Amino acid sequence: MLSNLDPGALSARLAWEHPVEAPDGQGGVSIAYQTAGALWSRIEPVQARWEEAGNEAGAERTHRIWLRHRDDLKAGDRLRLGARLFTLLSLHDPDETRRMLVAEARELVS
């Protein structure tokens, strides 16, 4: 797939957010997300699943997101496309040439 990937396929402009911990005043921390930049990407849907937990129901979608290689992205970071949020679960370099990254991501939809 990588040898056939057209750079023009990276057509989704995503905001990259990383988690920042702050003391919550009770001995713990609260996590907020801070924008770290913008990235061009290609988003491929992989799976959708409906879940019910307690009184709440929602859908969980998984995606494969292609990005240009960079060393500072990590699992736990988020990518935002408008109101949609993608939490990065894992990242890997598909052919180990440091050209591209493939992120497995989860999108929660209520």
PDB file of N, CA and C in Angstrom:
ATOM      1  N   MET A   1       0.830  -1.205   0.000  1.00  0.00           N
ATOM      2  CA  MET A   1       0.000   0.000   0.000  1.00  0.00           C
ATOM      3  C   MET A   1       0.863   1.252   0.000  1.00  0.00           C
ATOM      4  N   LEU A   2       1.946   1.236   0.756  1.00  0.00           N
ATOM      5  CA  LEU A   2       2.750   2.445   0.904  1.00  0.00           C
ATOM      6  C   LEU A   2       3.368   2.895  -0.411  1.00  0.00           C
ATOM      7  N   SER A   3       3.812   1.964  -1.239  1.00  0.00           N
ATOM      8  CA  SER A   3       4.426   2.368  -2.499  1.00  0.00           C
ATOM      9  C   SER A   3       3.409   3.010  -3.439  1.00  0.00           C
ATOM     10  N   ASN A   4       2.124   2.718  -3.226  1.00  0.00           N
ATOM     11  CA  ASN A   4       1.079   3.286  -4.067  1.00  0.00           C
ATOM     12  C   ASN A   4       0.417   4.504  -3.447  1.00  0.00           C
ATOM     13  N   LEU A   5       0.842   4.924  -2.279  1.00  0.00           N
ATOM     14  CA  LEU A   5       0.182   6.036  -1.592  1.00  0.00           C
ATOM     15  C   LEU A   5       0.546   7.362  -2.251  1.00  0.00           C
ATOM     16  N   ASP A   6      -0.455   8.001  -2.803  1.00  0.00           N
ATOM     17  CA  ASP A   6      -0.302   9.295  -3.437  1.00  0.00           C
ATOM     18  C   ASP A   6      -0.257  10.363  -2.349  1.00  0.00           C
ATOM     19  N   PRO A   7       0.739  11.253  -2.331  1.00  0.00           N
ATOM     20  CA  PRO A   7       0.780  12.305  -1.317  1.00  0.00           C
ATOM     21  C   PRO A   7      -0.491  13.151  -1.303  1.00  0.00           C
ATOM     22  N   GLY A   8      -1.187  13.247  -2.431  1.00  0.00           N
ATOM     23  CA  GLY A   8      -2.442  13.980  -2.485  1.00  0.00           C
ATOM     24  C   GLY A   8      -3.553  13.296  -1.701  1.00  0.00           C
ATOM     25  N   ALA A   9      -3.350  12.026  -1.318  1.00  0.00           N
ATOM     26  CA  ALA A   9      -4.347  11.307  -0.530  1.00  0.00           C
ATOM     27  C   ALA A   9      -4.376  11.804   0.915  1.00  0.00           C
ATOM     28  N   LEU A  10      -3.344  12.517   1.340  1.00  0.00           N
ATOM     29  CA  LEU A  10      -3.312  13.087   2.690  1.00  0.00           C
ATOM     30  C   LEU A  10      -4.101  14.395   2.648  1.00  0.00           C
ATOM     31  N   SER A  11      -5.414  14.272   2.605  1.00  0.00           N
ATOM     32  CA  SER A  11      -6.264  15.433   2.343  1.00  0.00           C
ATOM     33  C   SER A  11      -7.051  15.928   3.548  1.00  0.00           C
ATOM     34  N   ALA A  12      -6.959  15.238   4.678  1.00  0.00           N
ATOM     35  CA  ALA A  12      -7.688  15.676   5.881  1.00  0.00           C
ATOM     36  C   ALA A  12      -6.723  16.435   6.787  1.00  0.00           C
ATOM     37  N   ARG A  13      -7.047  17.671   7.103  1.00  0.00           N
ATOM     38  CA  ARG A  13      -6.207  18.506   7.970  1.00  0.00           C
ATOM     39  C   ARG A  13      -6.706  18.325   9.402  1.00  0.00           C
ATOM     40  N   LEU A  14      -5.896  17.694  10.247  1.00  0.00           N
ATOM     41  CA  LEU A  14      -6.271  17.381  11.616  1.00  0.00           C
ATOM     42  C   LEU A  14      -5.499  18.236  12.601  1.00  0.00           C
ATOM     43  N   ALA A  15      -6.155  18.624  13.684  1.00  0.00           N
ATOM     44  CA  ALA A  15      -5.463  19.291  14.789  1.00  0.00           C
ATOM     45  C   ALA A  15      -4.913  18.197  15.691  1.00  0.00           C
ATOM     46  N   TRP A  16      -3.652  18.314  16.059  1.00  0.00           N
ATOM     47  CA  TRP A  16      -2.998  17.343  16.928  1.00  0.00           C
ATOM     48  C   TRP A  16      -3.033  17.891  18.345  1.00  0.00           C
ATOM     49  N   GLU A  17      -3.520  17.091  19.280  1.00  0.00           N
ATOM     50  CA  GLU A  17      -3.626  17.492  20.688  1.00  0.00           C
ATOM     51  C   GLU A  17      -2.912  16.463  21.556  1.00  0.00           C
ATOM     52  N   HIS A  18      -2.156  16.939  22.533  1.00  0.00           N
ATOM     53  CA  HIS A  18      -1.523  16.001  23.463  1.00  0.00           C
ATOM     54  C   HIS A  18      -2.029  16.270  24.874  1.00  0.00           C
ATOM     55  N   PRO A  19      -2.080  15.220  25.712  1.00  0.00           N
ATOM     56  CA  PRO A  19      -2.611  15.378  27.063  1.00  0.00           C
ATOM     57  C   PRO A  19      -1.642  16.135  27.967  1.00  0.00           C
ATOM     58  N   VAL A  20      -2.215  16.967  28.818  1.00  0.00           N
ATOM     59  CA  VAL A  20      -1.438  17.730  29.796  1.00  0.00           C
ATOM     60  C   VAL A  20      -2.086  17.487  31.160  1.00  0.00           C
ATOM     61  N   GLU A  21      -1.298  17.028  32.116  1.00  0.00           N
ATOM     62  CA  GLU A  21      -1.811  16.777  33.453  1.00  0.00           C
ATOM     63  C   GLU A  21      -1.668  18.021  34.318  1.00  0.00           C
ATOM     64  N   ALA A  22      -2.700  18.276  35.119  1.00  0.00           N
ATOM     65  CA  ALA A  22      -2.673  19.403  36.050  1.00  0.00           C
ATOM     66  C   ALA A  22      -3.207  18.912  37.389  1.00  0.00           C
ATOM     67  N   PRO A  23      -2.621  19.359  38.509  1.00  0.00           N
ATOM     68  CA  PRO A  23      -3.127  18.944  39.817  1.00  0.00           C
ATOM     69  C   PRO A  23      -4.590  19.354  39.976  1.00  0.00           C
ATOM     70  N   ASP A  24      -5.386  18.451  40.558  1.00  0.00           N
ATOM     71  CA  ASP A  24      -6.811  18.767  40.729  1.00  0.00           C
ATOM     72  C   ASP A  24      -7.127  19.324  42.114  1.00  0.00           C
ATOM     73  N   GLY A  25      -6.105  19.511  42.967  1.00  0.00           N
ATOM     74  CA  GLY A  25      -6.306  20.088  44.297  1.00  0.00           C
ATOM     75  C   GLY A  25      -6.711  19.063  45.338  1.00  0.00           C
ATOM     76  N   GLN A  26      -6.880  17.800  44.937  1.00  0.00           N
ATOM     77  CA  GLN A  26      -7.269  16.757  45.881  1.00  0.00           C
ATOM     78  C   GLN A  26      -6.273  15.615  45.882  1.00  0.00           C
ATOM     79  N   GLY A  27      -5.083  15.867  45.389  1.00  0.00           N
ATOM     80  CA  GLY A  27      -4.041  14.851  45.367  1.00  0.00           C
ATOM     81  C   GLY A  27      -3.954  14.080  44.060  1.00  0.00           C
ATOM     82  N   GLY A  28      -4.862  14.313  43.166  1.00  0.00           N
ATOM     83  CA  GLY A  28      -4.845  13.644  41.866  1.00  0.00           C
ATOM     84  C   GLY A  28      -4.523  14.623  40.761  1.00  0.00           C
ATOM     85  N   VAL A  29      -4.800  14.216  39.565  1.00  0.00           N
ATOM     86  CA  VAL A  29      -4.578  15.089  38.414  1.00  0.00           C
ATOM     87  C   VAL A  29      -5.802  15.069  37.514  1.00  0.00           C
ATOM     88  N   SER A  30      -5.985  16.150  36.800  1.00  0.00           N
ATOM     89  CA  SER A  30      -6.993  16.183  35.747  1.00  0.00           C
ATOM     90  C   SER A  30      -6.239  16.298  34.430  1.00  0.00           C
ATOM     91  N   ILE A  31      -6.815  15.715  33.410  1.00  0.00           N
ATOM     92  CA  ILE A  31      -6.157  15.721  32.111  1.00  0.00           C
ATOM     93  C   ILE A  31      -6.923  16.625  31.163  1.00  0.00           C
ATOM     94  N   ALA A  32      -6.197  17.564  30.594  1.00  0.00           N
ATOM     95  CA  ALA A  32      -6.744  18.445  29.557  1.00  0.00           C
ATOM     96  C   ALA A  32      -5.898  18.220  28.309  1.00  0.00           C
ATOM     97  N   TYR A  33      -6.390  18.650  27.176  1.00  0.00           N
ATOM     98  CA  TYR A  33      -5.646  18.483  25.930  1.00  0.00           C
ATOM     99  C   TYR A  33      -5.263  19.841  25.378  1.00  0.00           C
ATOM    100  N   GLN A  34      -4.008  19.914  24.930  1.00  0.00           N
ATOM    101  CA  GLN A  34      -3.453  21.155  24.398  1.00  0.00           C
ATOM    102  C   GLN A  34      -3.104  20.936  22.930  1.00  0.00           C
ATOM    103  N   THR A  35      -3.469  21.880  22.085  1.00  0.00           N
ATOM    104  CA  THR A  35      -3.161  21.768  20.658  1.00  0.00           C
ATOM    105  C   THR A  35      -1.658  21.896  20.455  1.00  0.00           C
ATOM    106  N   ALA A  36      -1.097  20.946  19.704  1.00  0.00           N
ATOM    107  CA  ALA A  36       0.340  20.918  19.462  1.00  0.00           C
ATOM    108  C   ALA A  36       0.694  21.220  18.014  1.00  0.00           C
ATOM    109  N   GLY A  37      -0.295  21.237  17.142  1.00  0.00           N
ATOM    110  CA  GLY A  37      -0.013  21.512  15.739  1.00  0.00           C
ATOM    111  C   GLY A  37      -1.123  20.997  14.844  1.00  0.00           C
ATOM    112  N   ALA A  38      -0.856  21.023  13.562  1.00  0.00           N
ATOM    113  CA  ALA A  38      -1.811  20.532  12.569  1.00  0.00           C
ATOM    114  C   ALA A  38      -1.087  19.560  11.644  1.00  0.00           C
ATOM    115  N   LEU A  39      -1.786  18.508  11.235  1.00  0.00           N
ATOM    116  CA  LEU A  39      -1.191  17.456  10.420  1.00  0.00           C
ATOM    117  C   LEU A  39      -2.116  17.117   9.253  1.00  0.00           C
ATOM    118  N   TRP A  40      -1.528  16.847   8.098  1.00  0.00           N
ATOM    119  CA  TRP A  40      -2.295  16.340   6.968  1.00  0.00           C
ATOM    120  C   TRP A  40      -2.336  14.826   7.078  1.00  0.00           C
ATOM    121  N   SER A  41      -3.486  14.235   6.772  1.00  0.00           N
ATOM    122  CA  SER A  41      -3.636  12.796   6.960  1.00  0.00           C
ATOM    123  C   SER A  41      -4.632  12.194   5.975  1.00  0.00           C
ATOM    124  N   ARG A  42      -4.666  10.893   5.992  1.00  0.00           N
ATOM    125  CA  ARG A  42      -5.673  10.116   5.267  1.00  0.00           C
ATOM    126  C   ARG A  42      -6.359   9.251   6.306  1.00  0.00           C
ATOM    127  N   ILE A  43      -7.687   9.302   6.370  1.00  0.00           N
ATOM    128  CA  ILE A  43      -8.452   8.558   7.366  1.00  0.00           C
ATOM    129  C   ILE A  43      -9.194   7.426   6.669  1.00  0.00           C
ATOM    130  N   GLU A  44      -8.965   6.197   7.144  1.00  0.00           N
ATOM    131  CA  GLU A  44      -9.647   5.026   6.597  1.00  0.00           C
ATOM    132  C   GLU A  44     -10.487   4.390   7.700  1.00  0.00           C
ATOM    133  N   PRO A  45     -11.799   4.292   7.544  1.00  0.00           N
ATOM    134  CA  PRO A  45     -12.611   3.591   8.533  1.00  0.00           C
ATOM    135  C   PRO A  45     -12.258   2.101   8.538  1.00  0.00           C
ATOM    136  N   VAL A  46     -12.237   1.505   9.721  1.00  0.00           N
ATOM    137  CA  VAL A  46     -11.912   0.089   9.842  1.00  0.00           C
ATOM    138  C   VAL A  46     -13.109  -0.696  10.377  1.00  0.00           C
ATOM    139  N   GLN A  47     -13.695  -0.223  11.484  1.00  0.00           N
ATOM    140  CA  GLN A  47     -14.768  -0.976  12.124  1.00  0.00           C
ATOM    141  C   GLN A  47     -15.678  -0.029  12.888  1.00  0.00           C
ATOM    142  N   ALA A  48     -16.958  -0.384  12.989  1.00  0.00           N
ATOM    143  CA  ALA A  48     -17.910   0.361  13.811  1.00  0.00           C
ATOM    144  C   ALA A  48     -18.642  -0.642  14.694  1.00  0.00           C
ATOM    145  N   ARG A  49     -18.878  -0.246  15.953  1.00  0.00           N
ATOM    146  CA  ARG A  49     -19.525  -1.144  16.905  1.00  0.00           C
ATOM    147  C   ARG A  49     -20.415  -0.329  17.813  1.00  0.00           C
ATOM    148  N   TRP A  50     -21.615  -0.828  18.078  1.00  0.00           N
ATOM    149  CA  TRP A  50     -22.559  -0.179  18.983  1.00  0.00           C
ATOM    150  C   TRP A  50     -22.369  -0.752  20.369  1.00  0.00           C
ATOM    151  N   GLU A  51     -22.314   0.124  21.386  1.00  0.00           N
ATOM    152  CA  GLU A  51     -22.124  -0.324  22.767  1.00  0.00           C
ATOM    153  C   GLU A  51     -23.140   0.315  23.677  1.00  0.00           C
ATOM    154  N   GLU A  52     -23.521  -0.422  24.706  1.00  0.00           N
ATOM    155  CA  GLU A  52     -24.350   0.120  25.772  1.00  0.00           C
ATOM    156  C   GLU A  52     -23.618  -0.124  27.078  1.00  0.00           C
ATOM    157  N   ALA A  53     -23.436   0.920  27.854  1.00  0.00           N
ATOM    158  CA  ALA A  53     -22.775   0.822  29.155  1.00  0.00           C
ATOM    159  C   ALA A  53     -23.625   1.583  30.161  1.00  0.00           C
ATOM    160  N   GLY A  54     -24.222   0.870  31.091  1.00  0.00           N
ATOM    161  CA  GLY A  54     -25.098   1.532  32.057  1.00  0.00           C
ATOM    162  C   GLY A  54     -26.294   2.120  31.343  1.00  0.00           C
ATOM    163  N   ASN A  55     -26.558   3.372  31.589  1.00  0.00           N
ATOM    164  CA  ASN A  55     -27.675   4.057  30.944  1.00  0.00           C
ATOM    165  C   ASN A  55     -27.260   4.793  29.677  1.00  0.00           C
ATOM    166  N   GLU A  56     -25.994   4.660  29.298  1.00  0.00           N
ATOM    167  CA  GLU A  56     -25.502   5.378  28.133  1.00  0.00           C
ATOM    168  C   GLU A  56     -25.240   4.417  26.984  1.00  0.00           C
ATOM    169  N   ALA A  57     -25.549   4.856  25.795  1.00  0.00           N
ATOM    170  CA  ALA A  57     -25.278   4.068  24.599  1.00  0.00           C
ATOM    171  C   ALA A  57     -24.503   4.931  23.620  1.00  0.00           C
ATOM    172  N   GLY A  58     -23.682   4.290  22.832  1.00  0.00           N
ATOM    173  CA  GLY A  58     -22.914   5.038  21.849  1.00  0.00           C
ATOM    174  C   GLY A  58     -22.211   4.091  20.904  1.00  0.00           C
ATOM    175  N   ALA A  59     -21.613   4.643  19.906  1.00  0.00           N
ATOM    176  CA  ALA A  59     -20.893   3.845  18.918  1.00  0.00           C
ATOM    177  C   ALA A  59     -19.402   4.095  19.077  1.00  0.00           C
ATOM    178  N   GLU A  60     -18.635   3.048  18.847  1.00  0.00           N
ATOM    179  CA  GLU A  60     -17.185   3.177  18.825  1.00  0.00           C
ATOM    180  C   GLU A  60     -16.736   2.827  17.417  1.00  0.00           C
ATOM    181  N   ARG A  61     -15.999   3.722  16.822  1.00  0.00           N
ATOM    182  CA  ARG A  61     -15.475   3.478  15.482  1.00  0.00           C
ATOM    183  C   ARG A  61     -13.961   3.420  15.564  1.00  0.00           C
ATOM    184  N   THR A  62     -13.371   2.523  14.803  1.00  0.00           N
ATOM    185  CA  THR A  62     -11.915   2.491  14.710  1.00  0.00           C
ATOM    186  C   THR A  62     -11.511   2.907  13.307  1.00  0.00           C
ATOM    187  N   HIS A  63     -10.369   3.566  13.237  1.00  0.00           N
ATOM    188  CA  HIS A  63      -9.864   4.095  11.969  1.00  0.00           C
ATOM    189  C   HIS A  63      -8.374   3.815  11.856  1.00  0.00           C
ATOM    190  N   ARG A  64      -7.920   3.780  10.645  1.00  0.00           N
ATOM    191  CA  ARG A  64      -6.489   3.747  10.342  1.00  0.00           C
ATOM    192  C   ARG A  64      -6.190   5.128   9.768  1.00  0.00           C
ATOM    193  N   ILE A  65      -5.255   5.832  10.390  1.00  0.00           N
ATOM    194  CA  ILE A  65      -4.926   7.192   9.956  1.00  0.00           C
ATOM    195  C   ILE A  65      -3.474   7.222   9.493  1.00  0.00           C
ATOM    196  N   TRP A  66      -3.283   7.607   8.231  1.00  0.00           N
ATOM    197  CA  TRP A  66      -1.946   7.717   7.627  1.00  0.00           C
ATOM    198  C   TRP A  66      -1.447   9.144   7.796  1.00  0.00           C
ATOM    199  N   LEU A  67      -0.196   9.278   8.255  1.00  0.00           N
ATOM    200  CA  LEU A  67       0.424  10.587   8.486  1.00  0.00           C
ATOM    201  C   LEU A  67       1.869  10.552   8.009  1.00  0.00           C
ATOM    202  N   ARG A  68       2.412  11.728   7.747  1.00  0.00           N
ATOM    203  CA  ARG A  68       3.854  11.794   7.489  1.00  0.00           C
ATOM    204  C   ARG A  68       4.583  11.471   8.797  1.00  0.00           C
ATOM    205  N   HIS A  69       5.722  10.814   8.676  1.00  0.00           N
ATOM    206  CA  HIS A  69       6.459  10.364   9.867  1.00  0.00           C
ATOM    207  C   HIS A  69       6.896  11.534  10.732  1.00  0.00           C
ATOM    208  N   ARG A  70       6.776  11.340  12.025  1.00  0.00           N
ATOM    209  CA  ARG A  70       7.314  12.281  13.007  1.00  0.00           C
ATOM    210  C   ARG A  70       7.545  11.500  14.290  1.00  0.00           C
ATOM    211  N   ASP A  71       8.519  11.950  15.076  1.00  0.00           N
ATOM    212  CA  ASP A  71       8.914  11.233  16.284  1.00  0.00           C
ATOM    213  C   ASP A  71       8.139  11.639  17.529  1.00  0.00           C
ATOM    214  N   ASP A  72       7.386  12.732  17.485  1.00  0.00           N
ATOM    215  CA  ASP A  72       6.775  13.241  18.706  1.00  0.00           C
ATOM    216  C   ASP A  72       5.312  12.844  18.900  1.00  0.00           C
ATOM    217  N   LEU A  73       4.722  12.121  17.978  1.00  0.00           N
ATOM    218  CA  LEU A  73       3.373  11.582  18.185  1.00  0.00           C
ATOM    219  C   LEU A  73       3.465  10.335  19.046  1.00  0.00           C
ATOM    220  N   LYS A  74       2.449  10.104  19.881  1.00  0.00           N
ATOM    221  CA  LYS A  74       2.469   8.895  20.705  1.00  0.00           C
ATOM    222  C   LYS A  74       1.047   8.455  21.030  1.00  0.00           C
ATOM    223  N   ALA A  75       0.914   7.210  21.447  1.00  0.00           N
ATOM    224  CA  ALA A  75      -0.387   6.688  21.862  1.00  0.00           C
ATOM    225  C   ALA A  75      -0.898   7.544  23.014  1.00  0.00           C
ATOM    226  N   GLY A  76      -2.187   7.828  23.010  1.00  0.00           N
ATOM    227  CA  GLY A  76      -2.787   8.699  24.015  1.00  0.00           C
ATOM    228  C   GLY A  76      -3.020  10.110  23.503  1.00  0.00           C
ATOM    229  N   ASP A  77      -2.291  10.516  22.466  1.00  0.00           N
ATOM    230  CA  ASP A  77      -2.548  11.814  21.836  1.00  0.00           C
ATOM    231  C   ASP A  77      -3.883  11.729  21.094  1.00  0.00           C
ATOM    232  N   ARG A  78      -4.436  12.883  20.755  1.00  0.00           N
ATOM    233  CA  ARG A  78      -5.690  12.930  20.008  1.00  0.00           C
ATOM    234  C   ARG A  78      -5.503  13.710  18.724  1.00  0.00           C
ATOM    235  N   LEU A  79      -6.331  13.369  17.749  1.00  0.00           N
ATOM    236  CA  LEU A  79      -6.426  14.135  16.516  1.00  0.00           C
ATOM    237  C   LEU A  79      -7.868  14.602  16.411  1.00  0.00           C
ATOM    238  N   ARG A  80      -8.057  15.850  15.990  1.00  0.00           N
ATOM    239  CA  ARG A  80      -9.397  16.440  15.909  1.00  0.00           C
ATOM    240  C   ARG A  80      -9.676  16.869  14.471  1.00  0.00           C
ATOM    241  N   LEU A  81     -10.870  16.496  14.011  1.00  0.00           N
ATOM    242  CA  LEU A  81     -11.354  16.932  12.703  1.00  0.00           C
ATOM    243  C   LEU A  81     -12.724  17.544  12.956  1.00  0.00           C
ATOM    244  N   GLY A  82     -12.771  18.869  13.094  1.00  0.00           N
ATOM    245  CA  GLY A  82     -14.015  19.540  13.474  1.00  0.00           C
ATOM    246  C   GLY A  82     -14.424  19.085  14.865  1.00  0.00           C
ATOM    247  N   ALA A  83     -15.620  18.516  14.987  1.00  0.00           N
ATOM    248  CA  ALA A  83     -16.106  18.024  16.277  1.00  0.00           C
ATOM    249  C   ALA A  83     -15.701  16.572  16.530  1.00  0.00           C
ATOM    250  N   ARG A  84     -15.108  15.927  15.547  1.00  0.00           N
ATOM    251  CA  ARG A  84     -14.719  14.513  15.699  1.00  0.00           C
ATOM    252  C   ARG A  84     -13.376  14.411  16.402  1.00  0.00           C
ATOM    253  N   LEU A  85     -13.276  13.467  17.348  1.00  0.00           N
ATOM    254  CA  LEU A  85     -12.043  13.236  18.096  1.00  0.00           C
ATOM    255  C   LEU A  85     -11.567  11.806  17.886  1.00  0.00           C
ATOM    256  N   PHE A  86     -10.302  11.655  17.536  1.00  0.00           N
ATOM    257  CA  PHE A  86      -9.690  10.354  17.334  1.00  0.00           C
ATOM    258  C   PHE A  86      -8.588  10.188  18.382  1.00  0.00           C
ATOM    259  N   THR A  87      -8.712   9.190  19.239  1.00  0.00           N
ATOM    260  CA  THR A  87      -7.677   8.891  20.228  1.00  0.00           C
ATOM    261  C   THR A  87      -6.720   7.880  19.623  1.00  0.00           C
ATOM    262  N   LEU A  88      -5.432   8.199  19.643  1.00  0.00           N
ATOM    263  CA  LEU A  88      -4.431   7.302  19.061  1.00  0.00           C
ATOM    264  C   LEU A  88      -4.183   6.125  19.994  1.00  0.00           C
ATOM    265  N   LEU A  89      -4.354   4.917  19.478  1.00  0.00           N
ATOM    266  CA  LEU A  89      -4.126   3.700  20.252  1.00  0.00           C
ATOM    267  C   LEU A  89      -2.729   3.159  20.034  1.00  0.00           C
ATOM    268  N   SER A  90      -2.252   3.223  18.807  1.00  0.00           N
ATOM    269  CA  SER A  90      -0.903   2.757  18.481  1.00  0.00           C
ATOM    270  C   SER A  90      -0.432   3.430  17.205  1.00  0.00           C
ATOM    271  N   LEU A  91       0.879   3.447  17.023  1.00  0.00           N
ATOM    272  CA  LEU A  91       1.506   4.030  15.833  1.00  0.00           C
ATOM    273  C   LEU A  91       2.594   3.084  15.357  1.00  0.00           C
ATOM    274  N   HIS A  92       2.728   2.961  14.047  1.00  0.00           N
ATOM    275  CA  HIS A  92       3.857   2.186  13.533  1.00  0.00           C
ATOM    276  C   HIS A  92       4.277   2.705  12.160  1.00  0.00           C
ATOM    277  N   ASP A  93       5.524   2.436  11.831  1.00  0.00           N
ATOM    278  CA  ASP A  93       6.106   2.795  10.538  1.00  0.00           C
ATOM    279  C   ASP A  93       5.962   1.554   9.648  1.00  0.00           C
ATOM    280  N   PRO A  94       5.065   1.571   8.661  1.00  0.00           N
ATOM    281  CA  PRO A  94       4.733   0.340   7.942  1.00  0.00           C
ATOM    282  C   PRO A  94       5.883  -0.300   7.173  1.00  0.00           C
ATOM    283  N   ASP A  95       6.827   0.466   6.669  1.00  0.00           N
ATOM    284  CA  ASP A  95       7.940  -0.141   5.944  1.00  0.00           C
ATOM    285  C   ASP A  95       9.295   0.253   6.525  1.00  0.00           C
ATOM    286  N   GLU A  96       9.285   0.864   7.700  1.00  0.00           N
ATOM    287  CA  GLU A  96      10.490   1.243   8.447  1.00  0.00           C
ATOM    288  C   GLU A  96      11.446   2.140   7.652  1.00  0.00           C
ATOM    289  N   THR A  97      10.883   3.030   6.854  1.00  0.00           N
ATOM    290  CA  THR A  97      11.699   3.986   6.108  1.00  0.00           C
ATOM    291  C   THR A  97      11.596   5.392   6.684  1.00  0.00           C
ATOM    292  N   ARG A  98      10.788   5.576   7.743  1.00  0.00           N
ATOM    293  CA  ARG A  98      10.579   6.866   8.394  1.00  0.00           C
ATOM    294  C   ARG A  98       9.945   7.881   7.434  1.00  0.00           C
ATOM    295  N   ARG A  99       9.134   7.385   6.490  1.00  0.00           N
ATOM    296  CA  ARG A  99       8.395   8.277   5.594  1.00  0.00           C
ATOM    297  C   ARG A  99       6.971   8.509   6.088  1.00  0.00           C
ATOM    298  N   MET A 100       6.321   7.433   6.531  1.00  0.00           N
ATOM    299  CA  MET A 100       4.918   7.500   6.930  1.00  0.00           C
ATOM    300  C   MET A 100       4.717   6.827   8.280  1.00  0.00           C
ATOM    301  N   LEU A 101       3.631   7.198   8.947  1.00  0.00           N
ATOM    302  CA  LEU A 101       3.157   6.522  10.144  1.00  0.00           C
ATOM    303  C   LEU A 101       1.726   6.082   9.896  1.00  0.00           C
ATOM    304  N   VAL A 102       1.379   4.946  10.442  1.00  0.00           N
ATOM    305  CA  VAL A 102       0.000   4.489  10.421  1.00  0.00           C
ATOM    306  C   VAL A 102      -0.447   4.429  11.870  1.00  0.00           C
ATOM    307  N   ALA A 103      -1.506   5.168  12.181  1.00  0.00           N
ATOM    308  CA  ALA A 103      -2.049   5.207  13.530  1.00  0.00           C
ATOM    309  C   ALA A 103      -3.349   4.420  13.563  1.00  0.00           C
ATOM    310  N   GLU A 104      -3.483   3.573  14.560  1.00  0.00           N
ATOM    311  CA  GLU A 104      -4.764   2.934  14.835  1.00  0.00           C
ATOM    312  C   GLU A 104      -5.443   3.858  15.843  1.00  0.00           C
ATOM    313  N   ALA A 105      -6.671   4.286  15.541  1.00  0.00           N
ATOM    314  CA  ALA A 105      -7.330   5.290  16.368  1.00  0.00           C
ATOM    315  C   ALA A 105      -8.783   4.887  16.645  1.00  0.00           C
ATOM    316  N   ARG A 106      -9.284   5.369  17.771  1.00  0.00           N
ATOM    317  CA  ARG A 106     -10.675   5.128  18.167  1.00  0.00           C
ATOM    318  C   ARG A 106     -11.415   6.444  18.194  1.00  0.00           C
ATOM    319  N   GLU A 107     -12.603   6.434  17.630  1.00  0.00           N
ATOM    320  CA  GLU A 107     -13.491   7.608  17.672  1.00  0.00           C
ATOM    321  C   GLU A 107     -14.737   7.202  18.441  1.00  0.00           C
ATOM    322  N   LEU A 108     -15.060   7.935  19.507  1.00  0.00           N
ATOM    323  CA  LEU A 108     -16.272   7.665  20.265  1.00  0.00           C
ATOM    324  C   LEU A 108     -17.369   8.583  19.776  1.00  0.00           C
ATOM    325  N   VAL A 109     -18.505   8.005  19.462  1.00  0.00           N
ATOM    326  CA  VAL A 109     -19.635   8.758  18.927  1.00  0.00           C
ATOM    327  C   VAL A 109     -20.834   8.510  19.828  1.00  0.00           C
ATOM    328  N   SER A 110     -21.445   9.572  20.325  1.00  0.00           N
ATOM    329  CA  SER A 110     -22.609   9.382  21.200  1.00  0.00           C
ATOM    330  C   SER A 110     -23.894   9.543  20.442  1.00  0.00           C
TER     331      SER A 110
END
